[in-house]
Amino acid sequence: MRKFDYSFLDNGMLPADLIDITGGIYSLRTAAGTRKEVFKTVFTELEKVARVQSVKNSNAIEGIVTSDQRIAEIVNHSSAPVNHDEAEIAGYRDALNLIHTAYERLQFKVGDILMLHETMMILAGDDLAGKYKQTDNVIVEIDSQGNRRVRFRPIPATETAEAMDQLELAYLDACSNSHINQLLLIPCVILDFLCIHPFRDGNGRMSRLLSLLLLYKNGFDAGKYVSFEEQINKHKALYYDALQRSSAGWDRNENDYFPFMINFLSTLFMCYKELDKRFAVAHGKRITKSARIEATVLGSMLPMSKAEICAIHPDVSPTTVEAVLGKMVREGQLKKIGASKDTRYIRKDR
């Protein structure tokens, strides 16, 4: 049986890059907390956009897709799901809403984990919604030639309940250790959850929901306003590579948590950096809507479209964005690339 032991987080022997990322997260979290009090309306709008992106991207990672319009309609409860994929999407919506609205009372405990899984899977008619797998599962990968191989063998079905109980207890034990940084503990627990693979279906999506739950409970809520799942999906190859490296030797208690920890915390750092962009100012200007738009496009290394800028600043009207971009072009700060719907903007000196 796998032994869950997080005492290595208490020995001070952590990679330098992990310490650097953690420090950056804490710094950006402080800035975000200050802004949240001042820009409540902006954060409310960002949360609405992030929920749609989270539902879309977490399902897309698993190959569950529909149009952007349908995603928005389902997330906003303006339309019921019409097929199996949309029912799966609606289930993630419901579970995510629970995380957002009830994370303070939810715990990383077996009962709550099973409840979240049931919420996520029940609309799709899964007969094991809220129940552990009943048969063994394997994680298979397909190479470029179409050949399949077993990449990882999770805990057998007969041992799943005991493994989940042990994981819960190990997490609670580590939480009681004041010398263990909870931010470093979270990805370790999520990796172990993924390696147990306790459900027949929905393990990946559950891991992302549980990630948000633990992050929110520990005061790291950037994923509410910039989709954590979207960042994973953007860099999916890096995520799976880190997962594979950290799961090697897991069944023998010989795995290395650090690759997955670095990837997980880098993803969170990117969320905070993206959130910071929404409020960045150029040359000490007051944080007006115009200044935020100017800072966004001036700070971008790549050409940006009006739609991309609007997505970053959902509380700013497209008319205002267009007016600011036009003014910046006339003043020589920006140059236009392309025309019509393909128009992009970038600093003139780039």
Protein backbone atom coordinates (compact mmCIF):
# COMPACT_ATOMS: atom_id res chain seq x y z
CA MET A 1 0.00 0.00 0.00
CA ARG A 2 1.20 3.48 -0.83
CA LYS A 3 2.44 5.51 2.15
CA PHE A 4 1.48 9.20 2.11
CA ASP A 5 4.17 11.22 3.80
CA TYR A 6 4.68 14.96 3.36
CA SER A 7 7.35 15.39 6.01
CA PHE A 8 9.92 16.19 3.29
CA LEU A 9 8.30 19.64 3.10
CA ASP A 10 9.55 20.28 6.62
CA ASN A 11 13.25 19.61 6.03
CA GLY A 12 14.10 22.89 4.29
CA MET A 13 15.66 21.13 1.29
CA LEU A 14 13.60 22.73 -1.46
CA PRO A 15 14.76 23.64 -5.00
CA ALA A 16 15.66 27.32 -5.45
CA ASP A 17 13.25 27.79 -8.37
CA LEU A 18 10.39 26.50 -6.21
CA ILE A 19 11.22 29.04 -3.53
CA ASP A 20 11.41 31.82 -6.15
CA ILE A 21 8.00 30.95 -7.63
CA THR A 22 6.43 30.78 -4.18
CA GLY A 23 7.83 34.19 -3.27
CA GLY A 24 6.45 35.67 -6.48
CA ILE A 25 3.01 34.25 -5.77
CA TYR A 26 2.90 35.75 -2.28
CA SER A 27 3.95 39.14 -3.61
CA LEU A 28 1.33 39.19 -6.36
CA ARG A 29 -1.33 37.92 -3.97
CA THR A 30 -0.74 40.91 -1.72
CA ALA A 31 -1.20 43.32 -4.65
CA ALA A 32 -4.37 41.52 -5.78
CA GLY A 33 -5.84 41.67 -2.28
CA THR A 34 -5.34 45.43 -2.10
CA ARG A 35 -6.94 45.97 -5.51
CA LYS A 36 -9.90 43.76 -4.70
CA GLU A 37 -11.07 46.27 -2.10
CA VAL A 38 -10.82 49.18 -4.55
CA PHE A 39 -12.05 47.57 -7.77
CA LYS A 40 -14.91 45.35 -6.59
CA THR A 41 -16.90 45.76 -9.80
CA VAL A 42 -13.92 44.81 -11.94
CA PHE A 43 -13.30 41.66 -9.90
CA THR A 44 -16.99 40.72 -10.16
CA GLU A 45 -16.82 40.96 -13.95
CA LEU A 46 -13.52 39.05 -14.07
CA GLU A 47 -15.06 36.23 -12.03
CA LYS A 48 -17.94 35.89 -14.49
CA VAL A 49 -15.52 35.59 -17.42
CA ALA A 50 -13.20 33.19 -15.56
CA ARG A 51 -16.04 30.79 -14.71
CA VAL A 52 -16.89 30.39 -18.38
CA GLN A 53 -13.22 29.88 -19.27
CA SER A 54 -12.74 27.37 -16.44
CA VAL A 55 -15.71 25.26 -17.49
CA LYS A 56 -14.65 25.40 -21.12
CA ASN A 57 -10.99 24.55 -20.61
CA SER A 58 -11.26 21.90 -17.90
CA ASN A 59 -13.63 19.93 -20.12
CA ALA A 60 -11.60 20.63 -23.27
CA ILE A 61 -8.54 19.00 -21.66
CA GLU A 62 -10.60 15.79 -21.53
CA GLY A 63 -11.90 16.19 -25.10
CA ILE A 64 -15.36 17.39 -24.01
CA VAL A 65 -16.21 20.34 -26.22
CA THR A 66 -18.97 22.47 -27.68
CA SER A 67 -19.14 25.97 -29.15
CA ASP A 68 -18.19 29.04 -27.12
CA GLN A 69 -21.76 30.27 -27.41
CA ARG A 70 -23.15 27.04 -25.98
CA ILE A 71 -20.57 27.07 -23.18
CA ALA A 72 -21.63 30.58 -22.17
CA GLU A 73 -25.33 29.67 -22.34
CA ILE A 74 -24.83 26.57 -20.18
CA VAL A 75 -22.63 28.31 -17.61
CA ASN A 76 -25.08 31.21 -17.32
CA HIS A 77 -28.05 28.82 -17.01
CA SER A 78 -29.74 30.36 -20.05
CA SER A 79 -29.98 27.00 -21.81
CA ALA A 80 -30.19 23.37 -20.73
CA PRO A 81 -27.70 20.77 -22.05
CA VAL A 82 -28.90 18.98 -25.19
CA ASN A 83 -26.42 16.08 -25.40
CA HIS A 84 -24.01 14.04 -23.29
CA ASP A 85 -21.03 16.38 -23.71
CA GLU A 86 -23.11 19.38 -22.71
CA ALA A 87 -24.41 17.46 -19.67
CA GLU A 88 -20.79 16.85 -18.63
CA ILE A 89 -20.07 20.56 -19.09
CA ALA A 90 -23.11 21.50 -17.00
CA GLY A 91 -21.97 19.11 -14.28
CA TYR A 92 -18.59 20.80 -14.06
CA ARG A 93 -20.39 24.15 -13.91
CA ASP A 94 -22.40 22.98 -10.91
CA ALA A 95 -19.37 21.57 -9.08
CA LEU A 96 -17.34 24.71 -9.80
CA ASN A 97 -20.17 26.88 -8.48
CA LEU A 98 -20.04 24.90 -5.25
CA ILE A 99 -16.30 25.56 -4.97
CA HIS A 100 -16.82 29.28 -5.57
CA THR A 101 -19.72 29.74 -3.18
CA ALA A 102 -19.08 27.16 -0.44
CA TYR A 103 -15.33 26.58 -0.30
CA GLU A 104 -15.16 27.80 3.31
CA ARG A 105 -17.35 24.95 4.55
CA LEU A 106 -16.10 22.28 2.15
CA GLN A 107 -13.13 20.20 3.27
CA PHE A 108 -10.58 17.88 1.70
CA LYS A 109 -12.44 14.92 3.15
CA VAL A 110 -13.77 11.79 1.51
CA GLY A 111 -17.42 12.78 2.03
CA ASP A 112 -17.02 16.16 0.33
CA ILE A 113 -14.89 14.71 -2.47
CA LEU A 114 -17.55 12.10 -3.25
CA MET A 115 -20.25 14.79 -3.11
CA LEU A 116 -18.36 16.98 -5.59
CA HIS A 117 -17.89 14.03 -7.93
CA GLU A 118 -21.59 13.22 -7.76
CA THR A 119 -22.46 16.84 -8.51
CA MET A 120 -20.12 16.83 -11.50
CA MET A 121 -21.27 13.50 -12.98
CA ILE A 122 -24.95 13.15 -12.11
CA LEU A 123 -26.35 15.23 -14.99
CA ALA A 124 -24.56 12.99 -17.50
CA GLY A 125 -26.29 9.95 -15.99
CA ASP A 126 -23.11 8.30 -14.72
CA ASP A 127 -24.12 5.29 -12.60
CA LEU A 128 -20.95 5.70 -10.51
CA ALA A 129 -21.47 9.39 -9.78
CA GLY A 130 -20.19 9.94 -6.26
CA LYS A 131 -18.80 6.39 -6.04
CA TYR A 132 -15.31 4.97 -6.35
CA LYS A 133 -14.30 2.86 -9.34
CA GLN A 134 -15.38 -0.77 -9.17
CA THR A 135 -12.80 -2.16 -11.58
CA ASP A 136 -9.10 -1.45 -11.97
CA ASN A 137 -8.14 1.29 -14.40
CA VAL A 138 -4.94 2.12 -16.25
CA ILE A 139 -3.62 5.30 -17.82
CA VAL A 140 -2.81 4.58 -21.46
CA GLU A 141 -0.91 6.78 -23.89
CA ILE A 142 -0.80 6.52 -27.68
CA ASP A 143 2.40 7.29 -29.57
CA SER A 144 2.73 8.95 -32.98
CA GLN A 145 2.41 5.55 -34.67
CA GLY A 146 -0.89 4.80 -32.97
CA ASN A 147 0.60 2.24 -30.59
CA ARG A 148 -0.75 2.10 -27.06
CA ARG A 149 1.17 1.50 -23.87
CA VAL A 150 0.34 1.61 -20.19
CA ARG A 151 1.92 4.74 -18.77
CA PHE A 152 0.70 4.32 -15.21
CA ARG A 153 -1.23 1.79 -13.11
CA PRO A 154 -3.22 3.52 -10.37
CA ILE A 155 -4.28 1.98 -7.06
CA PRO A 156 -6.45 -1.15 -7.61
CA ALA A 157 -10.19 -0.73 -7.11
CA THR A 158 -10.17 -2.93 -4.00
CA GLU A 159 -7.64 -0.61 -2.31
CA THR A 160 -9.10 2.73 -3.43
CA ALA A 161 -11.28 3.49 -0.39
CA GLU A 162 -8.43 2.80 2.03
CA ALA A 163 -5.99 4.87 -0.06
CA MET A 164 -8.37 7.84 -0.09
CA ASP A 165 -8.84 7.57 3.68
CA GLN A 166 -5.07 7.55 4.14
CA LEU A 167 -4.66 10.52 1.80
CA GLU A 168 -7.20 12.52 3.80
CA LEU A 169 -5.47 11.70 7.08
CA ALA A 170 -2.01 12.49 5.69
CA TYR A 171 -3.25 15.87 4.47
CA LEU A 172 -4.84 16.70 7.83
CA ASP A 173 -1.65 15.67 9.61
CA ALA A 174 0.50 17.88 7.35
CA CYS A 175 -1.93 20.79 7.83
CA SER A 176 -1.31 20.61 11.58
CA ASN A 177 2.44 21.06 11.05
CA SER A 178 3.14 24.78 11.27
CA HIS A 179 6.52 24.28 9.57
CA ILE A 180 4.92 23.04 6.33
CA ASN A 181 3.94 25.72 3.82
CA GLN A 182 0.37 24.90 2.80
CA LEU A 183 0.95 26.28 -0.70
CA LEU A 184 3.66 23.65 -1.25
CA LEU A 185 1.50 20.92 0.25
CA ILE A 186 -1.42 21.40 -2.16
CA PRO A 187 0.24 20.12 -5.37
CA CYS A 188 1.62 17.10 -3.49
CA VAL A 189 -1.89 16.12 -2.40
CA ILE A 190 -3.28 16.69 -5.90
CA LEU A 191 -0.56 14.51 -7.42
CA ASP A 192 -1.38 11.71 -4.99
CA PHE A 193 -5.09 12.05 -5.80
CA LEU A 194 -4.30 11.71 -9.52
CA CYS A 195 -2.12 8.67 -8.90
CA ILE A 196 -4.85 6.97 -6.85
CA HIS A 197 -7.26 7.75 -9.73
CA PRO A 198 -10.22 6.86 -7.52
CA PHE A 199 -13.03 7.23 -10.05
CA ARG A 200 -13.94 5.45 -13.24
CA ASP A 201 -14.34 8.82 -14.96
CA GLY A 202 -13.71 12.46 -14.10
CA ASN A 203 -10.40 12.17 -12.23
CA GLY A 204 -8.68 14.97 -14.17
CA ARG A 205 -11.58 17.37 -13.77
CA MET A 206 -11.89 16.48 -10.08
CA SER A 207 -8.19 17.19 -9.58
CA ARG A 208 -8.69 20.72 -10.94
CA LEU A 209 -11.75 21.31 -8.76
CA LEU A 210 -9.88 20.09 -5.68
CA SER A 211 -6.92 22.28 -6.61
CA LEU A 212 -9.17 25.33 -6.59
CA LEU A 213 -10.82 24.25 -3.35
CA LEU A 214 -7.51 23.92 -1.50
CA LEU A 215 -6.10 27.10 -3.02
CA TYR A 216 -9.18 29.13 -2.09
CA LYS A 217 -9.22 27.74 1.45
CA ASN A 218 -5.63 28.85 1.87
CA GLY A 219 -6.22 32.36 0.52
CA PHE A 220 -4.92 31.92 -3.06
CA ASP A 221 -7.96 32.87 -5.12
CA ALA A 222 -6.45 34.10 -8.41
CA GLY A 223 -8.23 31.19 -10.12
CA LYS A 224 -11.54 32.91 -9.41
CA TYR A 225 -10.60 35.79 -11.69
CA VAL A 226 -8.18 34.21 -14.20
CA SER A 227 -9.02 30.64 -15.15
CA PHE A 228 -6.56 28.17 -13.59
CA GLU A 229 -7.86 25.50 -15.95
CA GLU A 230 -7.23 27.70 -18.99
CA GLN A 231 -3.59 28.12 -17.99
CA ILE A 232 -3.23 24.33 -17.69
CA ASN A 233 -4.84 23.82 -21.09
CA LYS A 234 -2.58 26.42 -22.72
CA HIS A 235 0.49 24.54 -21.52
CA LYS A 236 -0.98 21.04 -21.49
CA ALA A 237 2.16 19.30 -22.77
CA LEU A 238 4.22 20.74 -19.90
CA TYR A 239 1.54 19.70 -17.41
CA TYR A 240 1.47 16.09 -18.61
CA ASP A 241 5.25 15.92 -18.73
CA ALA A 242 5.47 17.08 -15.10
CA LEU A 243 2.75 14.63 -14.09
CA GLN A 244 4.56 11.75 -15.76
CA ARG A 245 7.90 12.64 -14.17
CA SER A 246 6.41 12.97 -10.68
CA SER A 247 4.33 9.79 -10.90
CA ALA A 248 7.29 7.59 -11.89
CA GLY A 249 8.01 5.24 -8.99
CA TRP A 250 4.90 6.38 -7.11
CA ASP A 251 3.70 2.84 -6.41
CA ARG A 252 7.06 2.11 -4.73
CA ASN A 253 7.07 5.35 -2.70
CA GLU A 254 10.06 6.51 -4.77
CA ASN A 255 8.53 9.34 -6.79
CA ASP A 256 9.78 12.92 -6.98
CA TYR A 257 7.07 15.49 -6.23
CA PHE A 258 9.11 18.49 -7.36
CA PRO A 259 8.40 18.48 -11.14
CA PHE A 260 4.65 18.52 -10.51
CA MET A 261 4.98 21.07 -7.71
CA ILE A 262 6.93 23.44 -9.94
CA ASN A 263 4.43 23.06 -12.79
CA PHE A 264 1.44 23.54 -10.47
CA LEU A 265 2.86 26.63 -8.79
CA SER A 266 4.05 28.05 -12.12
CA THR A 267 0.45 27.77 -13.33
CA LEU A 268 -0.79 29.61 -10.26
CA PHE A 269 1.92 32.24 -10.73
CA MET A 270 0.75 32.76 -14.33
CA CYS A 271 -2.79 33.31 -13.05
CA TYR A 272 -1.56 35.99 -10.67
CA LYS A 273 0.56 37.57 -13.43
CA GLU A 274 -2.43 37.65 -15.77
CA LEU A 275 -4.53 39.20 -13.00
CA ASP A 276 -1.81 41.76 -12.43
CA LYS A 277 -1.95 42.72 -16.11
CA ARG A 278 -5.56 43.79 -15.68
CA PHE A 279 -4.39 46.50 -13.32
CA ALA A 280 -0.92 47.33 -14.62
CA VAL A 281 -0.28 51.03 -15.22
CA ALA A 282 2.19 52.72 -17.50
CA HIS A 283 4.62 55.32 -16.12
CA GLY A 284 2.78 55.71 -12.81
CA LYS A 285 -0.56 56.73 -14.36
CA ARG A 286 -3.68 56.51 -12.24
CA ILE A 287 -5.50 53.21 -12.76
CA THR A 288 -8.24 54.46 -15.08
CA LYS A 289 -9.83 52.28 -17.72
CA SER A 290 -7.82 54.05 -20.40
CA ALA A 291 -4.56 53.59 -18.48
CA ARG A 292 -5.26 49.88 -18.03
CA ILE A 293 -5.85 49.42 -21.76
CA GLU A 294 -2.72 51.38 -22.62
CA ALA A 295 -0.60 49.37 -20.20
CA THR A 296 -1.95 46.08 -21.53
CA VAL A 297 -1.11 46.69 -25.17
CA LEU A 298 2.16 48.55 -24.49
CA GLY A 299 3.35 45.72 -22.27
CA SER A 300 2.56 42.95 -24.73
CA MET A 301 5.39 41.31 -26.65
CA LEU A 302 2.91 40.13 -29.30
CA PRO A 303 0.33 41.99 -31.40
CA MET A 304 -3.08 42.06 -29.71
CA SER A 305 -6.57 42.25 -31.18
CA LYS A 306 -9.37 44.39 -29.81
CA ALA A 307 -11.19 41.21 -28.77
CA GLU A 308 -8.17 40.01 -26.78
CA ILE A 309 -7.94 43.34 -24.97
CA CYS A 310 -11.68 43.27 -24.22
CA ALA A 311 -11.31 39.78 -22.74
CA ILE A 312 -8.60 41.04 -20.39
CA HIS A 313 -10.78 44.00 -19.33
CA PRO A 314 -14.37 42.68 -19.34
CA ASP A 315 -15.64 45.75 -17.45
CA VAL A 316 -14.49 48.09 -20.27
CA SER A 317 -16.80 48.51 -23.25
CA PRO A 318 -15.53 47.64 -26.77
CA THR A 319 -16.26 51.25 -27.75
CA THR A 320 -13.87 52.54 -25.07
CA VAL A 321 -11.19 50.02 -26.09
CA GLU A 322 -11.53 51.07 -29.72
CA ALA A 323 -11.33 54.76 -28.82
CA VAL A 324 -8.15 54.28 -26.72
CA LEU A 325 -6.48 52.20 -29.44
CA GLY A 326 -7.36 54.81 -32.07
CA LYS A 327 -5.90 57.58 -29.92
CA MET A 328 -2.69 55.59 -29.33
CA VAL A 329 -2.29 54.95 -33.07
CA ARG A 330 -2.77 58.64 -33.86
CA GLU A 331 -0.23 59.61 -31.20
CA GLY A 332 2.32 57.19 -32.65
CA GLN A 333 2.44 54.82 -29.67
CA LEU A 334 1.00 51.87 -31.58
CA LYS A 335 1.04 50.50 -35.07
CA LYS A 336 -1.76 48.53 -36.70
CA ILE A 337 -1.13 45.16 -38.32
CA GLY A 338 -3.73 43.69 -40.65
CA ALA A 339 -7.19 44.96 -41.38
CA SER A 340 -10.82 44.48 -40.42
CA LYS A 341 -11.33 41.52 -38.05
CA ASP A 342 -7.66 40.56 -38.36
CA THR A 343 -6.40 43.90 -37.04
CA ARG A 344 -3.77 43.66 -34.31
CA TYR A 345 -2.00 46.40 -32.34
CA ILE A 346 1.56 46.53 -31.04
CA ARG A 347 4.01 49.11 -29.77
CA LYS A 348 5.57 51.08 -32.59
CA ASP A 349 9.12 50.32 -31.40
CA ARG A 350 8.61 46.56 -31.54
